[in-house]
Amino acid sequence: MTGLLIGSLVFGPMAHRQNGVGLNSICAFGVGILAPLMHLLDVYHQALSMLICGLLPFIGGGLCVLLPETLNTELQDYIDPLEEKTITLESVTIEN
């Protein structure tokens, strides 16, 4: 859970970071409560818990395609190599 909270600090602009960390912690606590109960699904079928835990990441990944950042855009298949860029501010020069 600590990794989830630390990882969520990296994403998003500062204004939305607070909401994201709060939502991530709520989800982490909810999953922590529900995870031991997955064993109880074996009463109905032995593979039901594996099916649910296996399908949820694919459903989540599919829903990420519907986000505004990725909707109707072609996803990149490669990473461009870093180009030599120099950013000059008033008194600071940052070179890549």
N, C-alpha and C. Protein backbone atom coordinates (compact mmCIF):
# COMPACT_ATOMS: atom_id res chain seq x y z
N MET A 1 0.82 -1.19 0.00
CA MET A 1 0.00 0.00 0.00
C MET A 1 0.87 1.25 0.00
N THR A 2 2.03 1.16 0.64
CA THR A 2 2.92 2.31 0.67
C THR A 2 3.39 2.66 -0.74
N GLY A 3 3.67 1.65 -1.54
CA GLY A 3 4.08 1.89 -2.92
C GLY A 3 3.00 2.58 -3.71
N LEU A 4 1.76 2.23 -3.47
CA LEU A 4 0.64 2.87 -4.15
C LEU A 4 0.55 4.35 -3.79
N LEU A 5 0.72 4.65 -2.51
CA LEU A 5 0.63 6.05 -2.08
C LEU A 5 1.80 6.87 -2.60
N ILE A 6 3.00 6.31 -2.56
CA ILE A 6 4.16 7.03 -3.06
C ILE A 6 4.07 7.20 -4.58
N GLY A 7 3.63 6.16 -5.27
CA GLY A 7 3.50 6.24 -6.72
C GLY A 7 2.44 7.23 -7.15
N SER A 8 1.40 7.39 -6.36
CA SER A 8 0.34 8.33 -6.74
C SER A 8 0.76 9.78 -6.56
N LEU A 9 1.82 10.03 -5.81
CA LEU A 9 2.30 11.40 -5.65
C LEU A 9 2.95 11.93 -6.91
N VAL A 10 3.44 11.03 -7.74
CA VAL A 10 4.18 11.42 -8.94
C VAL A 10 3.25 11.91 -10.03
N PHE A 11 2.07 11.35 -10.12
CA PHE A 11 1.19 11.61 -11.25
C PHE A 11 0.31 12.83 -11.00
N GLY A 12 0.04 13.51 -12.07
CA GLY A 12 -0.93 14.60 -12.04
C GLY A 12 -0.36 15.91 -11.57
N PRO A 13 -1.05 16.98 -11.93
CA PRO A 13 -0.61 18.31 -11.49
C PRO A 13 -0.88 18.50 -10.00
N MET A 14 -0.27 19.50 -9.43
CA MET A 14 -0.35 19.72 -7.99
C MET A 14 -1.78 19.92 -7.51
N ALA A 15 -2.61 20.55 -8.31
CA ALA A 15 -3.98 20.83 -7.89
C ALA A 15 -4.81 19.56 -7.74
N HIS A 16 -4.51 18.55 -8.55
CA HIS A 16 -5.29 17.31 -8.50
C HIS A 16 -4.61 16.21 -7.69
N ARG A 17 -3.40 16.45 -7.24
CA ARG A 17 -2.63 15.42 -6.55
C ARG A 17 -3.29 15.01 -5.24
N GLN A 18 -3.83 15.96 -4.50
CA GLN A 18 -4.48 15.66 -3.23
C GLN A 18 -5.67 14.72 -3.43
N ASN A 19 -6.49 15.02 -4.42
CA ASN A 19 -7.65 14.17 -4.69
C ASN A 19 -7.22 12.78 -5.13
N GLY A 20 -6.17 12.71 -5.95
CA GLY A 20 -5.69 11.41 -6.42
C GLY A 20 -5.14 10.55 -5.30
N VAL A 21 -4.38 11.15 -4.39
CA VAL A 21 -3.84 10.39 -3.26
C VAL A 21 -4.97 9.92 -2.36
N GLY A 22 -5.96 10.76 -2.15
CA GLY A 22 -7.10 10.36 -1.33
C GLY A 22 -7.89 9.22 -1.95
N LEU A 23 -8.13 9.30 -3.25
CA LEU A 23 -8.86 8.24 -3.94
C LEU A 23 -8.06 6.94 -3.95
N ASN A 24 -6.74 7.04 -4.17
CA ASN A 24 -5.91 5.84 -4.15
C ASN A 24 -5.89 5.19 -2.79
N SER A 25 -5.84 5.98 -1.72
CA SER A 25 -5.82 5.38 -0.39
C SER A 25 -7.16 4.74 -0.05
N ILE A 26 -8.26 5.34 -0.48
CA ILE A 26 -9.57 4.74 -0.25
C ILE A 26 -9.68 3.40 -0.99
N CYS A 27 -9.23 3.38 -2.24
CA CYS A 27 -9.26 2.13 -3.01
C CYS A 27 -8.36 1.07 -2.39
N ALA A 28 -7.18 1.48 -1.91
CA ALA A 28 -6.26 0.52 -1.30
C ALA A 28 -6.85 -0.08 -0.03
N PHE A 29 -7.48 0.73 0.79
CA PHE A 29 -8.10 0.21 2.00
C PHE A 29 -9.28 -0.70 1.66
N GLY A 30 -10.05 -0.31 0.65
CA GLY A 30 -11.18 -1.15 0.24
C GLY A 30 -10.74 -2.51 -0.27
N VAL A 31 -9.68 -2.52 -1.07
CA VAL A 31 -9.16 -3.79 -1.58
C VAL A 31 -8.57 -4.61 -0.45
N GLY A 32 -7.93 -3.94 0.50
CA GLY A 32 -7.38 -4.65 1.66
C GLY A 32 -8.46 -5.32 2.50
N ILE A 33 -9.64 -4.74 2.52
CA ILE A 33 -10.75 -5.35 3.25
C ILE A 33 -11.36 -6.49 2.46
N LEU A 34 -11.49 -6.31 1.14
CA LEU A 34 -12.16 -7.32 0.31
C LEU A 34 -11.27 -8.50 -0.09
N ALA A 35 -9.95 -8.33 -0.07
CA ALA A 35 -9.05 -9.38 -0.53
C ALA A 35 -9.19 -10.69 0.27
N PRO A 36 -9.28 -10.67 1.59
CA PRO A 36 -9.45 -11.94 2.31
C PRO A 36 -10.79 -12.63 2.01
N LEU A 37 -11.77 -11.86 1.58
CA LEU A 37 -13.08 -12.43 1.30
C LEU A 37 -13.14 -13.15 -0.04
N MET A 38 -12.12 -12.97 -0.88
CA MET A 38 -12.08 -13.65 -2.18
C MET A 38 -12.04 -15.16 -2.01
N HIS A 39 -11.48 -15.61 -0.90
CA HIS A 39 -11.40 -17.05 -0.64
C HIS A 39 -12.80 -17.66 -0.48
N LEU A 40 -13.74 -16.86 -0.03
CA LEU A 40 -15.10 -17.36 0.17
C LEU A 40 -15.82 -17.66 -1.14
N LEU A 41 -15.32 -17.15 -2.26
CA LEU A 41 -15.94 -17.44 -3.55
C LEU A 41 -15.72 -18.87 -4.01
N ASP A 42 -14.80 -19.59 -3.35
CA ASP A 42 -14.54 -20.99 -3.71
C ASP A 42 -15.75 -21.87 -3.44
N VAL A 43 -16.69 -21.39 -2.63
CA VAL A 43 -17.90 -22.16 -2.36
C VAL A 43 -18.71 -22.32 -3.65
N TYR A 44 -18.72 -21.28 -4.48
CA TYR A 44 -19.51 -21.30 -5.70
C TYR A 44 -18.76 -21.98 -6.85
N HIS A 45 -17.52 -21.64 -7.04
CA HIS A 45 -16.70 -22.29 -8.06
C HIS A 45 -15.24 -22.02 -7.71
N GLN A 46 -14.40 -23.02 -7.94
CA GLN A 46 -13.01 -22.90 -7.53
C GLN A 46 -12.25 -21.83 -8.32
N ALA A 47 -12.59 -21.63 -9.57
CA ALA A 47 -11.86 -20.68 -10.41
C ALA A 47 -12.46 -19.28 -10.40
N LEU A 48 -13.52 -19.05 -9.65
CA LEU A 48 -14.19 -17.75 -9.67
C LEU A 48 -13.30 -16.62 -9.14
N SER A 49 -12.59 -16.87 -8.07
CA SER A 49 -11.71 -15.82 -7.53
C SER A 49 -10.57 -15.52 -8.49
N MET A 50 -10.00 -16.56 -9.14
CA MET A 50 -8.93 -16.33 -10.11
C MET A 50 -9.45 -15.59 -11.34
N LEU A 51 -10.68 -15.88 -11.73
CA LEU A 51 -11.28 -15.22 -12.88
C LEU A 51 -11.48 -13.73 -12.60
N ILE A 52 -11.98 -13.42 -11.42
CA ILE A 52 -12.21 -12.01 -11.06
C ILE A 52 -10.89 -11.26 -10.96
N CYS A 53 -9.91 -11.84 -10.28
CA CYS A 53 -8.61 -11.17 -10.14
C CYS A 53 -7.86 -11.09 -11.46
N GLY A 54 -8.14 -11.98 -12.38
CA GLY A 54 -7.49 -11.93 -13.68
C GLY A 54 -8.14 -10.97 -14.65
N LEU A 55 -9.45 -10.80 -14.55
CA LEU A 55 -10.16 -9.93 -15.49
C LEU A 55 -10.14 -8.46 -15.09
N LEU A 56 -10.08 -8.17 -13.81
CA LEU A 56 -10.13 -6.77 -13.38
C LEU A 56 -9.00 -5.91 -13.94
N PRO A 57 -7.74 -6.39 -14.02
CA PRO A 57 -6.71 -5.55 -14.64
C PRO A 57 -6.98 -5.27 -16.12
N PHE A 58 -7.51 -6.25 -16.84
CA PHE A 58 -7.81 -6.03 -18.25
C PHE A 58 -8.97 -5.05 -18.42
N ILE A 59 -9.96 -5.13 -17.56
CA ILE A 59 -11.07 -4.19 -17.61
C ILE A 59 -10.58 -2.79 -17.28
N GLY A 60 -9.72 -2.66 -16.27
CA GLY A 60 -9.15 -1.36 -15.91
C GLY A 60 -8.31 -0.78 -17.03
N GLY A 61 -7.52 -1.63 -17.69
CA GLY A 61 -6.72 -1.17 -18.82
C GLY A 61 -7.58 -0.74 -19.99
N GLY A 62 -8.67 -1.46 -20.21
CA GLY A 62 -9.59 -1.09 -21.28
C GLY A 62 -10.29 0.23 -20.99
N LEU A 63 -10.61 0.47 -19.72
CA LEU A 63 -11.24 1.74 -19.36
C LEU A 63 -10.27 2.90 -19.48
N CYS A 64 -8.97 2.65 -19.33
CA CYS A 64 -7.98 3.72 -19.49
C CYS A 64 -7.95 4.25 -20.91
N VAL A 65 -8.33 3.43 -21.86
CA VAL A 65 -8.38 3.90 -23.25
C VAL A 65 -9.49 4.92 -23.43
N LEU A 66 -10.47 4.92 -22.56
CA LEU A 66 -11.58 5.86 -22.66
C LEU A 66 -11.32 7.18 -21.96
N LEU A 67 -10.14 7.33 -21.34
CA LEU A 67 -9.81 8.60 -20.70
C LEU A 67 -9.64 9.69 -21.75
N PRO A 68 -9.87 10.95 -21.38
CA PRO A 68 -9.75 12.04 -22.37
C PRO A 68 -8.37 12.13 -23.01
N GLU A 69 -7.31 11.74 -22.28
CA GLU A 69 -5.96 11.83 -22.83
C GLU A 69 -5.72 10.81 -23.93
N THR A 70 -6.44 9.69 -23.90
CA THR A 70 -6.19 8.61 -24.86
C THR A 70 -7.35 8.36 -25.80
N LEU A 71 -8.46 9.03 -25.62
CA LEU A 71 -9.64 8.80 -26.44
C LEU A 71 -9.40 9.31 -27.87
N ASN A 72 -9.64 8.46 -28.84
CA ASN A 72 -9.51 8.78 -30.26
C ASN A 72 -8.10 9.24 -30.65
N THR A 73 -7.08 8.73 -29.97
CA THR A 73 -5.70 9.03 -30.34
C THR A 73 -4.96 7.72 -30.57
N GLU A 74 -3.99 7.77 -31.46
CA GLU A 74 -3.19 6.59 -31.72
C GLU A 74 -2.11 6.49 -30.65
N LEU A 75 -2.04 5.35 -29.97
CA LEU A 75 -1.06 5.19 -28.92
C LEU A 75 0.31 4.93 -29.51
N GLN A 76 1.32 5.50 -28.89
CA GLN A 76 2.68 5.42 -29.39
C GLN A 76 3.26 4.03 -29.11
N ASP A 77 3.94 3.46 -30.10
CA ASP A 77 4.53 2.14 -29.96
C ASP A 77 6.01 2.18 -29.62
N TYR A 78 6.61 3.32 -29.56
CA TYR A 78 8.04 3.43 -29.34
C TYR A 78 8.33 4.67 -28.51
N ILE A 79 9.56 4.75 -28.03
CA ILE A 79 10.01 5.91 -27.25
C ILE A 79 11.05 6.63 -28.08
N ASP A 80 10.83 7.90 -28.34
CA ASP A 80 11.81 8.69 -29.08
C ASP A 80 13.07 8.85 -28.25
N PRO A 81 14.23 8.78 -28.88
CA PRO A 81 15.46 9.03 -28.12
C PRO A 81 15.52 10.49 -27.68
N LEU A 82 16.19 10.71 -26.58
CA LEU A 82 16.30 12.08 -26.08
C LEU A 82 17.11 12.93 -27.05
N GLU A 83 16.62 14.10 -27.31
CA GLU A 83 17.34 15.03 -28.15
C GLU A 83 18.07 16.03 -27.25
N GLU A 84 19.15 16.52 -27.76
CA GLU A 84 19.89 17.52 -27.00
C GLU A 84 19.09 18.82 -27.00
N LYS A 85 18.60 19.19 -25.85
CA LYS A 85 17.81 20.41 -25.74
C LYS A 85 18.42 21.28 -24.65
N THR A 86 18.38 22.55 -24.86
CA THR A 86 18.85 23.50 -23.87
C THR A 86 17.73 24.48 -23.59
N ILE A 87 17.39 24.59 -22.32
CA ILE A 87 16.35 25.51 -21.91
C ILE A 87 17.05 26.63 -21.14
N THR A 88 16.87 27.84 -21.59
CA THR A 88 17.52 28.99 -20.94
C THR A 88 16.45 29.85 -20.30
N LEU A 89 16.58 30.01 -19.01
CA LEU A 89 15.69 30.91 -18.29
C LEU A 89 16.46 32.19 -18.01
N GLU A 90 15.97 33.04 -17.16
CA GLU A 90 16.60 34.33 -16.89
C GLU A 90 18.06 34.16 -16.49
N SER A 91 18.29 33.41 -15.45
CA SER A 91 19.67 33.26 -15.00
C SER A 91 20.10 31.80 -14.89
N VAL A 92 19.23 30.89 -15.30
CA VAL A 92 19.51 29.47 -15.15
C VAL A 92 19.54 28.83 -16.53
N THR A 93 20.54 27.99 -16.77
CA THR A 93 20.61 27.24 -18.01
C THR A 93 20.54 25.75 -17.66
N ILE A 94 19.59 25.07 -18.24
CA ILE A 94 19.40 23.65 -17.98
C ILE A 94 19.68 22.92 -19.28
N GLU A 95 20.62 21.99 -19.25
CA GLU A 95 20.95 21.22 -20.44
C GLU A 95 20.54 19.78 -20.21
N ASN A 96 20.01 19.16 -21.24
CA ASN A 96 19.56 17.77 -21.16
C ASN A 96 20.68 16.84 -21.54
